[in-house]
Each structure stands twice: as structure tokens, then as C-alpha cells.
N, C-alpha and C. Protein backbone atom coordinates (compact mmCIF):
# COMPACT_ATOMS: atom_id res chain seq x y z
N MET A 1 107.26 150.51 168.20
CA MET A 1 108.68 150.64 168.50
C MET A 1 108.99 149.75 169.69
N GLY A 2 109.99 148.90 169.59
CA GLY A 2 110.35 147.97 170.66
C GLY A 2 111.21 148.62 171.71
N LEU A 3 111.32 147.96 172.84
CA LEU A 3 112.19 148.42 173.92
C LEU A 3 113.64 148.15 173.56
N PRO A 4 114.58 148.97 174.04
CA PRO A 4 115.99 148.71 173.75
C PRO A 4 116.43 147.43 174.45
N LEU A 5 117.25 146.65 173.76
CA LEU A 5 117.74 145.40 174.33
C LEU A 5 119.03 145.67 175.09
N PRO A 6 119.26 144.95 176.19
CA PRO A 6 120.51 145.13 176.94
C PRO A 6 121.70 144.64 176.13
N ALA A 7 122.89 145.16 176.47
CA ALA A 7 124.11 144.72 175.81
C ALA A 7 124.33 143.24 176.08
N CYS A 8 124.68 142.51 175.04
CA CYS A 8 124.90 141.07 175.19
C CYS A 8 125.81 140.63 174.07
N PRO A 9 127.00 140.09 174.40
CA PRO A 9 127.92 139.71 173.34
C PRO A 9 127.36 138.61 172.44
N ALA A 10 126.45 137.78 172.92
CA ALA A 10 125.91 136.70 172.11
C ALA A 10 124.83 137.20 171.16
N LEU A 11 124.40 138.46 171.31
CA LEU A 11 123.31 138.99 170.51
C LEU A 11 123.78 140.24 169.79
N ARG A 12 124.02 140.13 168.48
CA ARG A 12 124.45 141.28 167.70
C ARG A 12 123.50 141.37 166.51
N LEU A 13 122.58 142.34 166.59
CA LEU A 13 121.57 142.49 165.55
C LEU A 13 121.62 143.90 164.98
N SER A 14 121.37 144.02 163.67
CA SER A 14 121.28 145.33 163.05
C SER A 14 119.93 145.94 163.41
N SER A 15 119.77 147.24 163.17
CA SER A 15 118.50 147.89 163.47
C SER A 15 117.38 147.31 162.61
N VAL A 16 117.66 146.89 161.38
CA VAL A 16 116.64 146.27 160.53
C VAL A 16 116.21 144.94 161.14
N ALA A 17 117.17 144.13 161.57
CA ALA A 17 116.84 142.85 162.19
C ALA A 17 116.05 143.06 163.48
N MET A 18 116.40 144.09 164.24
CA MET A 18 115.69 144.37 165.49
C MET A 18 114.23 144.74 165.19
N ARG A 19 113.99 145.59 164.19
CA ARG A 19 112.62 145.97 163.84
C ARG A 19 111.85 144.75 163.36
N THR A 20 112.49 143.88 162.59
CA THR A 20 111.83 142.68 162.09
C THR A 20 111.44 141.78 163.26
N LEU A 21 112.35 141.57 164.19
CA LEU A 21 112.04 140.74 165.36
C LEU A 21 110.95 141.38 166.20
N SER A 22 111.00 142.68 166.33
CA SER A 22 110.01 143.39 167.13
C SER A 22 108.62 143.22 166.50
N MET A 23 108.55 143.33 165.18
CA MET A 23 107.27 143.17 164.50
C MET A 23 106.80 141.73 164.52
N ALA A 24 107.69 140.79 164.60
CA ALA A 24 107.33 139.38 164.59
C ALA A 24 106.84 138.92 165.97
N GLY A 25 106.69 139.82 166.87
CA GLY A 25 106.15 139.45 168.17
C GLY A 25 107.20 139.37 169.27
N GLY A 26 108.45 139.45 168.92
CA GLY A 26 109.49 139.50 169.93
C GLY A 26 109.90 138.16 170.53
N LEU A 27 109.25 137.06 170.12
CA LEU A 27 109.58 135.76 170.70
C LEU A 27 111.03 135.38 170.43
N ALA A 28 111.48 135.59 169.20
CA ALA A 28 112.87 135.26 168.88
C ALA A 28 113.84 136.11 169.69
N ALA A 29 113.49 137.37 169.90
CA ALA A 29 114.36 138.25 170.70
C ALA A 29 114.44 137.75 172.13
N LEU A 30 113.31 137.32 172.68
CA LEU A 30 113.32 136.80 174.05
C LEU A 30 114.19 135.55 174.15
N LEU A 31 114.08 134.67 173.16
CA LEU A 31 114.89 133.46 173.17
C LEU A 31 116.37 133.80 173.04
N SER A 32 116.70 134.81 172.22
CA SER A 32 118.10 135.22 172.08
C SER A 32 118.63 135.80 173.37
N LEU A 33 117.81 136.60 174.05
CA LEU A 33 118.24 137.20 175.31
C LEU A 33 118.44 136.14 176.38
N ALA A 34 117.65 135.09 176.36
CA ALA A 34 117.80 134.03 177.34
C ALA A 34 119.16 133.35 177.20
N ALA A 35 119.72 133.42 176.01
CA ALA A 35 121.03 132.80 175.78
C ALA A 35 122.17 133.65 176.30
N CYS A 36 121.90 134.89 176.68
CA CYS A 36 122.96 135.79 177.14
C CYS A 36 123.65 135.24 178.37
N GLY A 37 122.96 135.23 179.51
CA GLY A 37 123.54 134.71 180.77
C GLY A 37 124.94 135.20 180.98
N GLY A 38 125.75 134.43 181.67
CA GLY A 38 127.16 134.73 181.86
C GLY A 38 127.42 135.99 182.66
N ASP A 39 128.65 136.50 182.52
CA ASP A 39 129.10 137.62 183.33
C ASP A 39 128.45 138.95 182.95
N ASP A 40 127.97 139.09 181.72
CA ASP A 40 127.43 140.36 181.28
C ASP A 40 125.98 140.58 181.69
N ALA A 41 125.27 139.53 182.06
CA ALA A 41 123.87 139.66 182.44
C ALA A 41 123.77 139.75 183.96
N GLU A 42 123.10 140.81 184.45
CA GLU A 42 122.93 141.00 185.89
C GLU A 42 121.57 140.44 186.30
N PRO A 43 121.50 139.64 187.36
CA PRO A 43 120.21 139.15 187.82
C PRO A 43 119.31 140.32 188.18
N VAL A 44 118.00 140.10 188.15
CA VAL A 44 117.04 141.15 188.46
C VAL A 44 117.29 141.70 189.87
N ASN A 45 117.55 140.84 190.83
CA ASN A 45 117.77 141.27 192.21
C ASN A 45 118.89 140.43 192.82
N PRO A 46 120.15 140.77 192.51
CA PRO A 46 121.25 139.94 192.97
C PRO A 46 121.41 139.92 194.48
N ASP A 47 120.83 140.86 195.18
CA ASP A 47 121.00 140.94 196.62
C ASP A 47 119.75 140.49 197.37
N GLY A 48 118.81 139.85 196.69
CA GLY A 48 117.56 139.46 197.31
C GLY A 48 117.52 138.05 197.87
N THR A 49 118.58 137.28 197.67
CA THR A 49 118.53 135.89 198.10
C THR A 49 119.36 135.61 199.35
N GLN A 50 120.36 136.42 199.63
CA GLN A 50 121.22 136.18 200.78
C GLN A 50 120.59 136.76 202.04
N ALA A 51 120.82 136.08 203.19
CA ALA A 51 120.32 136.57 204.46
C ALA A 51 120.88 137.96 204.76
N VAL A 52 120.10 138.78 205.45
CA VAL A 52 120.48 140.14 205.78
C VAL A 52 121.27 140.14 207.09
N SER A 53 122.24 141.01 207.19
CA SER A 53 123.07 141.15 208.39
C SER A 53 122.22 141.52 209.61
N SER A 54 122.62 141.03 210.78
CA SER A 54 121.94 141.40 212.02
C SER A 54 122.68 142.52 212.75
N GLU A 55 123.68 143.11 212.10
CA GLU A 55 124.35 144.31 212.64
C GLU A 55 123.36 145.47 212.60
N PRO A 56 123.58 146.56 213.36
CA PRO A 56 122.66 147.70 213.31
C PRO A 56 122.49 148.24 211.89
N LEU A 57 121.26 148.62 211.54
CA LEU A 57 120.93 149.11 210.20
C LEU A 57 121.67 150.42 209.93
N SER A 58 122.49 150.41 208.87
CA SER A 58 123.25 151.60 208.50
C SER A 58 123.66 151.49 207.04
N GLY A 59 124.24 152.57 206.53
CA GLY A 59 124.70 152.60 205.14
C GLY A 59 124.73 154.02 204.64
N THR A 60 124.32 154.22 203.38
CA THR A 60 124.26 155.55 202.79
C THR A 60 122.93 155.77 202.09
N ILE A 61 122.40 156.97 202.22
CA ILE A 61 121.23 157.42 201.47
C ILE A 61 121.57 158.82 200.97
N ASP A 62 121.40 159.04 199.69
CA ASP A 62 121.74 160.31 199.04
C ASP A 62 123.22 160.62 199.21
N GLY A 63 124.04 159.57 199.21
CA GLY A 63 125.48 159.75 199.29
C GLY A 63 126.00 160.11 200.67
N ARG A 64 125.13 160.15 201.66
CA ARG A 64 125.53 160.50 203.02
C ARG A 64 125.26 159.35 203.96
N SER A 65 126.04 159.29 205.01
CA SER A 65 125.93 158.23 206.00
C SER A 65 124.53 158.20 206.61
N PHE A 66 124.00 156.99 206.75
CA PHE A 66 122.68 156.78 207.38
C PHE A 66 122.84 155.73 208.47
N THR A 67 122.34 156.03 209.67
CA THR A 67 122.26 155.05 210.74
C THR A 67 120.86 155.14 211.33
N ALA A 68 120.17 154.02 211.41
CA ALA A 68 118.81 154.00 211.96
C ALA A 68 118.86 154.34 213.45
N VAL A 69 118.07 155.32 213.86
CA VAL A 69 117.98 155.73 215.25
C VAL A 69 116.65 155.30 215.84
N SER A 70 115.58 155.40 215.06
CA SER A 70 114.26 154.98 215.53
C SER A 70 113.47 154.40 214.37
N ALA A 71 112.57 153.47 214.70
CA ALA A 71 111.70 152.85 213.70
C ALA A 71 110.32 152.65 214.32
N LEU A 72 109.29 153.01 213.57
CA LEU A 72 107.92 152.99 214.08
C LEU A 72 107.01 152.24 213.12
N ALA A 73 106.10 151.44 213.67
CA ALA A 73 105.11 150.71 212.87
C ALA A 73 103.72 151.14 213.30
N SER A 74 102.96 151.68 212.35
CA SER A 74 101.59 152.13 212.61
C SER A 74 100.64 151.42 211.66
N SER A 75 99.38 151.38 212.02
CA SER A 75 98.37 150.80 211.14
C SER A 75 98.39 151.53 209.80
N SER A 76 98.33 150.76 208.71
CA SER A 76 98.37 151.37 207.39
C SER A 76 97.03 152.00 207.01
N GLY A 77 95.95 151.53 207.63
CA GLY A 77 94.63 152.02 207.28
C GLY A 77 94.02 151.30 206.10
N PHE A 78 94.75 150.35 205.51
CA PHE A 78 94.25 149.62 204.35
C PHE A 78 93.78 148.22 204.73
N GLU A 79 94.64 147.44 205.32
CA GLU A 79 94.33 146.06 205.70
C GLU A 79 94.53 145.92 207.21
N PRO A 80 93.75 145.05 207.87
CA PRO A 80 93.84 144.94 209.33
C PRO A 80 95.22 144.60 209.87
N ASN A 81 95.98 143.74 209.21
CA ASN A 81 97.28 143.32 209.73
C ASN A 81 98.45 143.98 209.00
N GLU A 82 98.17 145.07 208.30
CA GLU A 82 99.20 145.75 207.54
C GLU A 82 99.73 146.94 208.34
N ARG A 83 101.05 147.16 208.28
CA ARG A 83 101.67 148.26 209.01
C ARG A 83 102.47 149.16 208.06
N PHE A 84 102.40 150.46 208.37
CA PHE A 84 103.24 151.46 207.73
C PHE A 84 104.47 151.56 208.62
N VAL A 85 105.65 151.27 208.07
CA VAL A 85 106.89 151.29 208.85
C VAL A 85 107.76 152.44 208.36
N ALA A 86 108.23 153.25 209.32
CA ALA A 86 109.12 154.37 209.02
C ALA A 86 110.38 154.21 209.87
N ILE A 87 111.54 154.24 209.21
CA ILE A 87 112.83 154.10 209.88
C ILE A 87 113.58 155.42 209.69
N TYR A 88 113.94 156.07 210.80
CA TYR A 88 114.52 157.41 210.77
C TYR A 88 115.98 157.42 211.22
N ASP A 89 116.70 158.44 210.76
CA ASP A 89 118.06 158.67 211.23
C ASP A 89 118.08 159.69 212.38
N ILE A 90 116.91 159.99 212.93
CA ILE A 90 116.75 160.86 214.10
C ILE A 90 115.78 160.19 215.06
N GLN A 91 115.73 160.67 216.28
CA GLN A 91 114.79 160.12 217.25
C GLN A 91 113.38 160.59 216.94
N ARG A 92 112.45 159.64 216.82
CA ARG A 92 111.03 159.95 216.61
C ARG A 92 110.23 159.06 217.54
N ALA A 93 109.04 159.51 217.88
CA ALA A 93 108.17 158.74 218.78
C ALA A 93 106.82 158.52 218.11
N CYS A 94 106.10 157.50 218.56
CA CYS A 94 104.75 157.26 218.06
C CYS A 94 103.92 158.53 218.24
N GLY A 95 103.13 158.86 217.23
CA GLY A 95 102.27 160.03 217.30
C GLY A 95 102.94 161.32 216.84
N ASP A 96 104.23 161.29 216.56
CA ASP A 96 104.94 162.47 216.06
C ASP A 96 104.77 162.52 214.55
N TYR A 97 103.81 163.33 214.11
CA TYR A 97 103.51 163.42 212.69
C TYR A 97 104.07 164.70 212.06
N SER A 98 104.96 165.39 212.77
CA SER A 98 105.54 166.61 212.22
C SER A 98 106.50 166.26 211.08
N ARG A 99 106.72 167.22 210.21
CA ARG A 99 107.65 167.03 209.10
C ARG A 99 109.06 166.86 209.67
N PRO A 100 109.78 165.84 209.22
CA PRO A 100 111.18 165.68 209.69
C PRO A 100 112.02 166.89 209.27
N PRO A 101 113.04 167.22 210.04
CA PRO A 101 113.89 168.37 209.70
C PRO A 101 114.56 168.20 208.33
N VAL A 102 114.82 169.32 207.67
CA VAL A 102 115.49 169.33 206.37
C VAL A 102 116.84 168.62 206.50
N GLY A 103 117.13 167.76 205.52
CA GLY A 103 118.40 167.03 205.49
C GLY A 103 118.34 165.66 206.13
N THR A 104 117.28 165.37 206.89
CA THR A 104 117.18 164.04 207.47
C THR A 104 116.76 163.04 206.41
N ARG A 105 117.10 161.79 206.64
CA ARG A 105 116.75 160.72 205.72
C ARG A 105 115.95 159.67 206.48
N HIS A 106 115.04 159.03 205.77
CA HIS A 106 114.30 157.93 206.36
C HIS A 106 113.90 156.93 205.28
N ILE A 107 113.43 155.77 205.76
CA ILE A 107 113.05 154.68 204.88
C ILE A 107 111.59 154.35 205.19
N LEU A 108 110.77 154.21 204.16
CA LEU A 108 109.35 153.92 204.34
C LEU A 108 108.96 152.63 203.65
N MET A 109 107.97 151.94 204.22
CA MET A 109 107.40 150.75 203.60
C MET A 109 106.04 150.45 204.21
N VAL A 110 105.22 149.71 203.49
CA VAL A 110 103.96 149.19 204.00
C VAL A 110 103.99 147.69 203.78
N ARG A 111 103.77 146.93 204.85
CA ARG A 111 103.85 145.47 204.76
C ARG A 111 102.81 144.81 205.66
N GLU A 112 102.42 143.60 205.28
CA GLU A 112 101.63 142.78 206.18
C GLU A 112 102.54 142.48 207.37
N TRP A 113 102.06 142.71 208.59
CA TRP A 113 102.88 142.61 209.80
C TRP A 113 102.87 141.17 210.29
N MET A 114 103.72 140.37 209.68
CA MET A 114 103.89 138.97 210.05
C MET A 114 105.29 138.55 209.66
N PRO A 115 105.87 137.56 210.37
CA PRO A 115 107.23 137.13 210.01
C PRO A 115 107.29 136.72 208.54
N ARG A 116 108.32 137.18 207.86
CA ARG A 116 108.50 136.89 206.44
C ARG A 116 109.92 137.24 206.05
N SER A 117 110.36 136.68 204.96
CA SER A 117 111.66 136.98 204.40
C SER A 117 111.49 136.94 202.89
N GLU A 118 111.74 138.07 202.22
CA GLU A 118 111.45 138.15 200.79
C GLU A 118 112.34 139.17 200.10
N PRO A 119 112.64 138.92 198.83
CA PRO A 119 113.42 139.90 198.06
C PRO A 119 112.58 141.14 197.76
N LEU A 120 113.23 142.28 197.63
CA LEU A 120 112.54 143.48 197.18
C LEU A 120 112.28 143.35 195.69
N SER A 121 111.25 144.03 195.22
CA SER A 121 110.86 143.98 193.80
C SER A 121 110.03 145.23 193.49
N PHE A 122 109.50 145.32 192.28
CA PHE A 122 108.66 146.45 191.93
C PHE A 122 107.39 146.48 192.78
N SER A 123 106.84 145.32 193.08
CA SER A 123 105.62 145.26 193.89
C SER A 123 105.90 145.11 195.37
N ASN A 124 107.13 144.92 195.76
CA ASN A 124 107.53 144.73 197.16
C ASN A 124 108.76 145.60 197.41
N ASN A 125 108.54 146.92 197.44
CA ASN A 125 109.65 147.86 197.49
C ASN A 125 109.69 148.64 198.80
N VAL A 126 110.75 149.40 198.99
CA VAL A 126 110.86 150.37 200.07
C VAL A 126 111.20 151.71 199.43
N THR A 127 111.06 152.78 200.20
CA THR A 127 111.34 154.12 199.68
C THR A 127 112.41 154.79 200.53
N PHE A 128 113.49 155.25 199.88
CA PHE A 128 114.48 156.10 200.55
C PHE A 128 113.94 157.52 200.43
N VAL A 129 113.91 158.26 201.53
CA VAL A 129 113.39 159.62 201.53
C VAL A 129 114.44 160.57 202.07
N LEU A 130 114.70 161.64 201.32
CA LEU A 130 115.56 162.73 201.78
C LEU A 130 114.64 163.93 201.96
N GLN A 131 114.58 164.46 203.17
CA GLN A 131 113.71 165.61 203.45
C GLN A 131 114.36 166.88 202.93
N ARG A 132 113.79 167.45 201.88
CA ARG A 132 114.27 168.70 201.28
C ARG A 132 113.53 169.88 201.90
N GLU A 133 113.90 171.07 201.49
CA GLU A 133 113.31 172.30 202.02
C GLU A 133 111.79 172.34 201.81
N ASP A 134 111.35 172.13 200.56
CA ASP A 134 109.93 172.26 200.23
C ASP A 134 109.16 170.95 200.33
N SER A 135 109.81 169.85 199.95
CA SER A 135 109.11 168.57 199.94
C SER A 135 110.14 167.44 199.98
N PRO A 136 109.68 166.24 200.29
CA PRO A 136 110.63 165.11 200.33
C PRO A 136 111.04 164.67 198.93
N ASP A 137 112.24 164.15 198.83
CA ASP A 137 112.75 163.56 197.60
C ASP A 137 112.70 162.04 197.80
N ASN A 138 111.83 161.35 197.08
CA ASN A 138 111.59 159.92 197.26
C ASN A 138 112.27 159.10 196.18
N HIS A 139 112.91 158.00 196.60
CA HIS A 139 113.55 157.07 195.67
C HIS A 139 113.03 155.67 195.96
N ILE A 140 112.29 155.09 195.01
CA ILE A 140 111.75 153.74 195.16
C ILE A 140 112.89 152.74 194.98
N VAL A 141 113.02 151.82 195.92
CA VAL A 141 114.11 150.85 195.92
C VAL A 141 113.54 149.45 195.70
N THR A 142 114.03 148.78 194.66
CA THR A 142 113.51 147.45 194.30
C THR A 142 114.56 146.36 194.39
N ARG A 143 115.78 146.71 194.80
CA ARG A 143 116.84 145.70 194.95
C ARG A 143 117.16 145.51 196.41
N GLY A 144 117.23 144.25 196.84
CA GLY A 144 117.59 143.96 198.22
C GLY A 144 116.71 142.88 198.81
N ARG A 145 116.59 142.91 200.14
CA ARG A 145 115.84 141.88 200.85
C ARG A 145 115.26 142.47 202.13
N LEU A 146 114.04 142.06 202.47
CA LEU A 146 113.39 142.45 203.71
C LEU A 146 113.10 141.20 204.52
N GLU A 147 113.44 141.25 205.80
CA GLU A 147 113.13 140.16 206.72
C GLU A 147 112.42 140.75 207.93
N LEU A 148 111.15 140.39 208.09
CA LEU A 148 110.42 140.75 209.30
C LEU A 148 110.59 139.58 210.25
N VAL A 149 111.45 139.76 211.26
CA VAL A 149 111.86 138.67 212.14
C VAL A 149 110.86 138.47 213.26
N ASP A 150 110.48 139.55 213.93
CA ASP A 150 109.56 139.49 215.07
C ASP A 150 108.52 140.59 214.87
N THR A 151 107.23 140.21 214.87
CA THR A 151 106.17 141.17 214.55
C THR A 151 105.07 141.12 215.61
N PRO A 152 105.33 141.62 216.81
CA PRO A 152 104.32 141.59 217.87
C PRO A 152 103.14 142.50 217.54
N ALA A 153 101.98 142.20 218.10
CA ALA A 153 100.78 142.98 217.84
C ALA A 153 100.54 144.05 218.90
N ALA A 154 101.05 143.86 220.11
CA ALA A 154 100.72 144.74 221.22
C ALA A 154 101.32 146.14 221.05
N LYS A 155 100.50 147.15 221.33
CA LYS A 155 100.96 148.53 221.29
C LYS A 155 102.13 148.71 222.26
N GLY A 156 103.20 149.34 221.78
CA GLY A 156 104.37 149.58 222.60
C GLY A 156 105.41 148.48 222.55
N ALA A 157 105.06 147.33 221.98
CA ALA A 157 106.01 146.21 221.87
C ALA A 157 107.07 146.54 220.83
N LEU A 158 108.20 145.83 220.93
CA LEU A 158 109.29 146.01 219.97
C LEU A 158 109.37 144.82 219.03
N GLY A 159 109.29 145.09 217.74
CA GLY A 159 109.50 144.08 216.71
C GLY A 159 110.92 144.18 216.19
N THR A 160 111.27 143.26 215.30
CA THR A 160 112.61 143.26 214.72
C THR A 160 112.49 143.13 213.20
N LEU A 161 113.20 144.02 212.51
CA LEU A 161 113.20 144.07 211.05
C LEU A 161 114.65 144.07 210.58
N ARG A 162 114.93 143.31 209.53
CA ARG A 162 116.24 143.35 208.87
C ARG A 162 116.00 143.77 207.42
N LEU A 163 116.88 144.62 206.92
CA LEU A 163 116.69 145.16 205.58
C LEU A 163 118.04 145.31 204.88
N ARG A 164 118.07 144.91 203.63
CA ARG A 164 119.14 145.26 202.70
C ARG A 164 118.43 145.94 201.54
N ALA A 165 118.77 147.21 201.27
CA ALA A 165 118.14 147.95 200.19
C ALA A 165 119.22 148.69 199.42
N ILE A 166 119.21 148.54 198.09
CA ILE A 166 120.26 149.09 197.24
C ILE A 166 119.63 149.90 196.11
N ASN A 167 120.09 151.14 195.97
CA ASN A 167 119.60 152.03 194.93
C ASN A 167 120.81 152.77 194.36
N GLY A 168 121.36 152.25 193.27
CA GLY A 168 122.56 152.85 192.70
C GLY A 168 123.71 152.73 193.70
N SER A 169 124.33 153.86 194.03
CA SER A 169 125.44 153.83 194.98
C SER A 169 124.96 153.91 196.43
N ASP A 170 123.67 154.11 196.64
CA ASP A 170 123.12 154.14 198.00
C ASP A 170 122.75 152.73 198.44
N ARG A 171 123.09 152.43 199.70
CA ARG A 171 122.85 151.07 200.20
C ARG A 171 122.73 151.12 201.73
N VAL A 172 121.74 150.42 202.25
CA VAL A 172 121.64 150.22 203.70
C VAL A 172 121.49 148.74 203.96
N GLU A 173 121.98 148.31 205.11
CA GLU A 173 121.81 146.91 205.49
C GLU A 173 121.93 146.79 207.00
N GLY A 174 121.08 145.93 207.56
CA GLY A 174 121.19 145.63 208.98
C GLY A 174 119.83 145.45 209.64
N GLN A 175 119.88 145.44 210.95
CA GLN A 175 118.70 145.14 211.78
C GLN A 175 118.33 146.37 212.59
N VAL A 176 117.02 146.54 212.82
CA VAL A 176 116.53 147.64 213.64
C VAL A 176 115.33 147.14 214.46
N SER A 177 115.20 147.65 215.68
CA SER A 177 114.02 147.37 216.50
C SER A 177 112.94 148.36 216.10
N VAL A 178 111.70 147.85 215.97
CA VAL A 178 110.58 148.65 215.50
C VAL A 178 109.53 148.74 216.60
N THR A 179 109.19 149.95 217.04
CA THR A 179 108.16 150.16 218.05
C THR A 179 106.79 150.09 217.40
N VAL A 180 105.91 149.23 217.93
CA VAL A 180 104.53 149.12 217.43
C VAL A 180 103.72 150.26 218.05
N CYS A 181 103.23 151.17 217.22
CA CYS A 181 102.52 152.36 217.71
C CYS A 181 101.04 152.13 217.98
N ASP A 182 100.40 151.30 217.22
CA ASP A 182 98.97 151.03 217.42
C ASP A 182 98.57 149.70 216.86
């Protein structure tokens, strides 16, 4: 059984034709889809190519206002130069591993800690987290752009991160200072 094809005015196939194309290896279907383009086709990551705003990081997560208050970068434990970055809408300090209060929102990511600018994707994503009563509600975000502007190595130093992340109607964009914890 083939995957459903997106709506495309240039491609109108009956279910019999779709099964035939699917059984034929799908090459013709891929070529037909490539002809779609235009206004009806949405790019994979339309917000991944434009520079991110340097205004303070803010927006909405879970339909509620989000403003970054603190951001922390800790060793990921996987690769020597990789950092686990957590951006909170409340004040947090290095070494504070307590569960965030119910209703708070934060953004999580793991990245190589070096200057870079790249679109978000399935393999390069961030997570919107809403802290619920029993457990966090996580939303993987693959649309947007991440810019690691300044990535100091010294403990206690401040780095700079810019992020645009879009998940349905939820969106954050802007810059935040990140405290290097270790």
C-alpha cells in the first residue's frame, strides 16, 4: 500500500492508477509530484533559510505566551563538544535538576557547541515541552532555523543562540543568552 499523495492540481489520478503507479515502483508518481510546485506545494522548511531575529526569544508554546527567561548549556554526555541546551520561561540555574513547575514551558536541544547556522529538520530538531501534572508533554519541532552565534567553552560564560521554531500554530523566534554550566 502506497503513501497518500499530497493535493496537487496538476496530478489527478484514480485509485486504480495510483495502485498501478505504486506497484510500478513509484518513479512516475515522484516525477508527477515534482511537477506540482507553485502555490499549492509547501517547501519542506519554509522558515529555515531566513536569518533569525535578534530580538529577545519569545512567541507561543501550547497556545500560551512564551518568553525565554533563562537558558543553560550542559555537557550532553555523548560527544566531547556537544551540549544539552534547555531554554526556560522561568528562572533556572546550573545544577538545578528539579522538575519544572506544572504549566511551565521550555525548549530542549542537543547540539555540537560551535558557531553554526542551519535549518531545523527531522535529524536537527528542537523539542517544545509543556510540564504537565504527571509528566512532560513533548512536541518535536522540525520547522525553523537555529543559529549558534557565540559558543564559549568556559564554565559560567555566556553564549548566544538564535532560534526560530514553528510547530503548527506555536512559534518562537529570537535570541537568548545561554549560560555554559560545565
